[in-house]
Amino acid sequence: MIKKITDIRSAGLDEILTESKECGYGMIERLITEWESGITDFSNKNEAYFAYEEYGKILGIGGINEEPYLRIKEYGRMRHLYVLKTWRHRGIGKEIVRATIEFAKAYYELVTLMTPKDGSADAFYESIGFKKCDSLERVSHTLALHNQLSLPMQPTASQI
């Protein structure tokens, strides 16, 4: 079941944090640090962070906030998607992305994300509609939410 996380301290992410660090991914540790410091706590109306919970356990997490690097308010950025290894390939990641995209449609025209440099997540995102992107800095994939968006090569001054 998908639920919205509003307090990182009580979210029950210990297993996800430990496993992600063991796998060499620092994104969950960064998520917790930034949330606790107030840098990115997903508290704005156009931000949300979701967990997939089953059997009383958090099996996966992910969310969206305003694109922090391009600074285009119509762009949202998919953040920190992680599913426990033993629960992958069961549709949990897709459910989290689906919930995130449904939420994002009310606020954004385009969703961006950055996959690991090893390409390990590329096929997953491409299988659910994200397109490879080489024209925007710090973006590996995009998803147009309203099918009328023309992706600029560089943000213009009026978009910032």
C-alpha atoms as a PDB file:
ATOM      1  CA  MET A   1       0.000   0.000   0.000  1.00  0.00           C
ATOM      2  CA  ILE A   2       1.246   3.493  -0.870  1.00  0.00           C
ATOM      3  CA  LYS A   3       1.331   6.093   1.880  1.00  0.00           C
ATOM      4  CA  LYS A   4       2.649   9.643   2.039  1.00  0.00           C
ATOM      5  CA  ILE A   5       5.580  10.246   4.380  1.00  0.00           C
ATOM      6  CA  THR A   6       5.338  13.457   6.383  1.00  0.00           C
ATOM      7  CA  ASP A   7       7.936  12.766   9.096  1.00  0.00           C
ATOM      8  CA  ILE A   8      11.213  11.125   8.105  1.00  0.00           C
ATOM      9  CA  ARG A   9      12.133  10.301  11.717  1.00  0.00           C
ATOM     10  CA  SER A  10       9.134   8.031  12.227  1.00  0.00           C
ATOM     11  CA  ALA A  11       8.997   6.611   8.694  1.00  0.00           C
ATOM     12  CA  GLY A  12      10.840   3.370   9.493  1.00  0.00           C
ATOM     13  CA  LEU A  13      13.577   3.641   6.870  1.00  0.00           C
ATOM     14  CA  ASP A  14      16.380   1.895   8.795  1.00  0.00           C
ATOM     15  CA  GLU A  15      16.509  -1.182   6.551  1.00  0.00           C
ATOM     16  CA  ILE A  16      16.362   0.883   3.358  1.00  0.00           C
ATOM     17  CA  LEU A  17      19.094   3.192   4.655  1.00  0.00           C
ATOM     18  CA  THR A  18      21.376   0.312   5.646  1.00  0.00           C
ATOM     19  CA  GLU A  19      20.892  -1.605   2.399  1.00  0.00           C
ATOM     20  CA  SER A  20      21.311   1.453   0.160  1.00  0.00           C
ATOM     21  CA  LYS A  21      24.604   2.334   1.879  1.00  0.00           C
ATOM     22  CA  GLU A  22      25.826  -1.263   1.547  1.00  0.00           C
ATOM     23  CA  CYS A  23      25.044  -1.098  -2.183  1.00  0.00           C
ATOM     24  CA  GLY A  24      27.040   2.112  -2.534  1.00  0.00           C
ATOM     25  CA  TYR A  25      24.087   4.472  -2.929  1.00  0.00           C
ATOM     26  CA  GLY A  26      24.257   7.599  -0.782  1.00  0.00           C
ATOM     27  CA  MET A  27      20.888   8.977  -1.842  1.00  0.00           C
ATOM     28  CA  ILE A  28      18.864   7.700   1.128  1.00  0.00           C
ATOM     29  CA  GLU A  29      21.397   8.964   3.643  1.00  0.00           C
ATOM     30  CA  ARG A  30      21.350  12.327   1.795  1.00  0.00           C
ATOM     31  CA  LEU A  31      17.528  12.301   1.824  1.00  0.00           C
ATOM     32  CA  ILE A  32      17.432  11.844   5.601  1.00  0.00           C
ATOM     33  CA  THR A  33      20.153  14.437   6.245  1.00  0.00           C
ATOM     34  CA  GLU A  34      18.499  17.033   3.987  1.00  0.00           C
ATOM     35  CA  TRP A  35      15.050  16.324   5.450  1.00  0.00           C
ATOM     36  CA  GLU A  36      16.238  16.658   9.041  1.00  0.00           C
ATOM     37  CA  SER A  37      18.138  19.875   8.250  1.00  0.00           C
ATOM     38  CA  GLY A  38      15.142  21.374   6.426  1.00  0.00           C
ATOM     39  CA  ILE A  39      16.922  21.665   3.075  1.00  0.00           C
ATOM     40  CA  THR A  40      14.377  19.378   1.398  1.00  0.00           C
ATOM     41  CA  ASP A  41      11.615  18.130   3.659  1.00  0.00           C
ATOM     42  CA  PHE A  42       8.862  17.662   1.068  1.00  0.00           C
ATOM     43  CA  SER A  43       6.543  19.980   3.005  1.00  0.00           C
ATOM     44  CA  ASN A  44       5.616  22.365   0.183  1.00  0.00           C
ATOM     45  CA  LYS A  45       2.286  21.807  -1.551  1.00  0.00           C
ATOM     46  CA  ASN A  46       4.062  20.789  -4.792  1.00  0.00           C
ATOM     47  CA  GLU A  47       6.247  18.183  -3.046  1.00  0.00           C
ATOM     48  CA  ALA A  48       5.469  14.677  -1.835  1.00  0.00           C
ATOM     49  CA  TYR A  49       7.355  11.649  -0.606  1.00  0.00           C
ATOM     50  CA  PHE A  50       5.814   8.198  -0.717  1.00  0.00           C
ATOM     51  CA  ALA A  51       6.463   4.800   0.820  1.00  0.00           C
ATOM     52  CA  TYR A  52       5.218   1.406  -0.239  1.00  0.00           C
ATOM     53  CA  GLU A  53       4.357  -0.503   2.907  1.00  0.00           C
ATOM     54  CA  GLU A  54       3.341  -4.126   3.214  1.00  0.00           C
ATOM     55  CA  TYR A  55       3.400  -6.516   6.168  1.00  0.00           C
ATOM     56  CA  GLY A  56       4.109  -3.519   8.423  1.00  0.00           C
ATOM     57  CA  LYS A  57       7.393  -2.887   6.639  1.00  0.00           C
ATOM     58  CA  ILE A  58       8.573  -0.148   4.251  1.00  0.00           C
ATOM     59  CA  LEU A  59       9.623  -1.937   1.057  1.00  0.00           C
ATOM     60  CA  GLY A  60      10.250   1.082  -1.170  1.00  0.00           C
ATOM     61  CA  ILE A  61      10.271   4.877  -1.203  1.00  0.00           C
ATOM     62  CA  GLY A  62      10.355   7.782  -3.647  1.00  0.00           C
ATOM     63  CA  GLY A  63       9.074  11.283  -4.167  1.00  0.00           C
ATOM     64  CA  ILE A  64       9.069  14.518  -6.096  1.00  0.00           C
ATOM     65  CA  ASN A  65       9.928  18.137  -5.530  1.00  0.00           C
ATOM     66  CA  GLU A  66      10.558  21.219  -7.641  1.00  0.00           C
ATOM     67  CA  GLU A  67      13.517  20.724 -10.024  1.00  0.00           C
ATOM     68  CA  PRO A  68      16.403  22.112  -7.931  1.00  0.00           C
ATOM     69  CA  TYR A  69      19.085  22.343 -10.609  1.00  0.00           C
ATOM     70  CA  LEU A  70      17.311  23.834 -13.620  1.00  0.00           C
ATOM     71  CA  ARG A  71      15.114  26.077 -11.475  1.00  0.00           C
ATOM     72  CA  ILE A  72      12.160  25.924 -13.839  1.00  0.00           C
ATOM     73  CA  LYS A  73       9.032  25.947 -11.704  1.00  0.00           C
ATOM     74  CA  GLU A  74       7.065  23.832 -14.190  1.00  0.00           C
ATOM     75  CA  TYR A  75       9.587  20.996 -13.810  1.00  0.00           C
ATOM     76  CA  GLY A  76       9.470  18.487 -10.981  1.00  0.00           C
ATOM     77  CA  ARG A  77      12.285  16.124 -10.061  1.00  0.00           C
ATOM     78  CA  MET A  78      11.762  12.488  -9.105  1.00  0.00           C
ATOM     79  CA  ARG A  79      13.808  11.948  -5.955  1.00  0.00           C
ATOM     80  CA  HIS A  80      15.431   9.054  -4.155  1.00  0.00           C
ATOM     81  CA  LEU A  81      13.467   6.067  -5.494  1.00  0.00           C
ATOM     82  CA  TYR A  82      14.656   2.926  -3.755  1.00  0.00           C
ATOM     83  CA  VAL A  83      13.136  -0.547  -3.367  1.00  0.00           C
ATOM     84  CA  LEU A  84      14.665  -3.203  -1.140  1.00  0.00           C
ATOM     85  CA  LYS A  85      16.565  -5.725  -3.272  1.00  0.00           C
ATOM     86  CA  THR A  86      14.521  -8.742  -2.205  1.00  0.00           C
ATOM     87  CA  TRP A  87      11.316  -6.937  -3.199  1.00  0.00           C
ATOM     88  CA  ARG A  88      12.381  -5.708  -6.644  1.00  0.00           C
ATOM     89  CA  HIS A  89      10.702  -6.860  -9.870  1.00  0.00           C
ATOM     90  CA  ARG A  90       7.314  -7.098  -8.140  1.00  0.00           C
ATOM     91  CA  GLY A  91       5.868  -3.771  -9.307  1.00  0.00           C
ATOM     92  CA  ILE A  92       6.640  -1.817  -6.137  1.00  0.00           C
ATOM     93  CA  GLY A  93       8.861   0.740  -7.874  1.00  0.00           C
ATOM     94  CA  LYS A  94       6.226   1.238 -10.568  1.00  0.00           C
ATOM     95  CA  GLU A  95       3.543   1.800  -7.917  1.00  0.00           C
ATOM     96  CA  ILE A  96       5.671   4.445  -6.213  1.00  0.00           C
ATOM     97  CA  VAL A  97       6.400   6.153  -9.546  1.00  0.00           C
ATOM     98  CA  ARG A  98       2.699   5.982 -10.497  1.00  0.00           C
ATOM     99  CA  ALA A  99       1.670   7.658  -7.225  1.00  0.00           C
ATOM    100  CA  THR A 100       4.387  10.267  -7.659  1.00  0.00           C
ATOM    101  CA  ILE A 101       3.369  11.048 -11.254  1.00  0.00           C
ATOM    102  CA  GLU A 102      -0.318  11.301 -10.343  1.00  0.00           C
ATOM    103  CA  PHE A 103       0.593  13.784  -7.626  1.00  0.00           C
ATOM    104  CA  ALA A 104       2.944  15.694  -9.954  1.00  0.00           C
ATOM    105  CA  LYS A 105       0.300  16.252 -12.643  1.00  0.00           C
ATOM    106  CA  ALA A 106      -1.317  18.939 -10.498  1.00  0.00           C
ATOM    107  CA  TYR A 107       1.901  20.978 -10.299  1.00  0.00           C
ATOM    108  CA  TYR A 108       4.315  20.187 -13.115  1.00  0.00           C
ATOM    109  CA  GLU A 109       4.559  19.900 -16.888  1.00  0.00           C
ATOM    110  CA  LEU A 110       7.705  17.786 -16.924  1.00  0.00           C
ATOM    111  CA  VAL A 111       9.340  15.355 -14.503  1.00  0.00           C
ATOM    112  CA  THR A 112      13.116  14.975 -14.554  1.00  0.00           C
ATOM    113  CA  LEU A 113      15.398  12.504 -12.852  1.00  0.00           C
ATOM    114  CA  MET A 114      18.985  11.336 -12.758  1.00  0.00           C
ATOM    115  CA  THR A 115      19.774   7.637 -12.816  1.00  0.00           C
ATOM    116  CA  PRO A 116      23.017   6.113 -11.525  1.00  0.00           C
ATOM    117  CA  LYS A 117      25.928   6.482 -13.930  1.00  0.00           C
ATOM    118  CA  ASP A 118      26.125   2.688 -14.318  1.00  0.00           C
ATOM    119  CA  GLY A 119      22.795   2.714 -16.194  1.00  0.00           C
ATOM    120  CA  SER A 120      21.270   0.185 -13.794  1.00  0.00           C
ATOM    121  CA  ALA A 121      17.932   2.017 -13.595  1.00  0.00           C
ATOM    122  CA  ASP A 122      17.627   3.229 -17.199  1.00  0.00           C
ATOM    123  CA  ALA A 123      15.546   0.307 -18.479  1.00  0.00           C
ATOM    124  CA  PHE A 124      13.157   0.589 -15.531  1.00  0.00           C
ATOM    125  CA  TYR A 125      12.362   4.257 -16.139  1.00  0.00           C
ATOM    126  CA  GLU A 126      12.215   3.856 -19.918  1.00  0.00           C
ATOM    127  CA  SER A 127       9.746   0.963 -19.516  1.00  0.00           C
ATOM    128  CA  ILE A 128       7.280   3.315 -17.839  1.00  0.00           C
ATOM    129  CA  GLY A 129       7.559   6.143 -20.338  1.00  0.00           C
ATOM    130  CA  PHE A 130      10.555   8.251 -19.367  1.00  0.00           C
ATOM    131  CA  LYS A 131      12.737   9.344 -22.289  1.00  0.00           C
ATOM    132  CA  LYS A 132      16.522   9.502 -22.264  1.00  0.00           C
ATOM    133  CA  CYS A 133      17.691  13.127 -22.148  1.00  0.00           C
ATOM    134  CA  ASP A 134      21.122  14.402 -23.146  1.00  0.00           C
ATOM    135  CA  SER A 135      20.191  18.073 -23.545  1.00  0.00           C
ATOM    136  CA  LEU A 136      19.692  19.132 -19.911  1.00  0.00           C
ATOM    137  CA  GLU A 137      22.408  19.287 -17.286  1.00  0.00           C
ATOM    138  CA  ARG A 138      22.054  16.877 -14.338  1.00  0.00           C
ATOM    139  CA  VAL A 139      19.133  15.103 -16.038  1.00  0.00           C
ATOM    140  CA  SER A 140      19.232  11.600 -17.486  1.00  0.00           C
ATOM    141  CA  HIS A 141      15.502  11.130 -18.211  1.00  0.00           C
ATOM    142  CA  THR A 142      12.327  13.180 -18.586  1.00  0.00           C
ATOM    143  CA  LEU A 143       8.605  12.521 -18.705  1.00  0.00           C
ATOM    144  CA  ALA A 144       6.222  15.074 -20.222  1.00  0.00           C
ATOM    145  CA  LEU A 145       3.038  14.975 -18.167  1.00  0.00           C
ATOM    146  CA  HIS A 146       0.680  16.797 -20.485  1.00  0.00           C
ATOM    147  CA  ASN A 147       2.080  15.765 -23.906  1.00  0.00           C
ATOM    148  CA  GLN A 148       2.318  19.359 -25.167  1.00  0.00           C
ATOM    149  CA  LEU A 149       5.708  20.251 -23.807  1.00  0.00           C
ATOM    150  CA  SER A 150       8.620  21.051 -26.056  1.00  0.00           C
ATOM    151  CA  LEU A 151      11.838  20.404 -24.176  1.00  0.00           C
ATOM    152  CA  PRO A 152      14.244  23.378 -24.412  1.00  0.00           C
ATOM    153  CA  MET A 153      17.931  22.875 -24.988  1.00  0.00           C
ATOM    154  CA  GLN A 154      18.744  25.344 -22.186  1.00  0.00           C
ATOM    155  CA  PRO A 155      16.391  27.140 -19.775  1.00  0.00           C
ATOM    156  CA  THR A 156      15.605  30.662 -20.926  1.00  0.00           C
ATOM    157  CA  ALA A 157      15.657  33.650 -18.584  1.00  0.00           C
ATOM    158  CA  SER A 158      11.846  33.778 -18.561  1.00  0.00           C
ATOM    159  CA  GLN A 159      11.692  30.166 -17.353  1.00  0.00           C
ATOM    160  CA  ILE A 160      13.961  30.694 -14.378  1.00  0.00           C
END
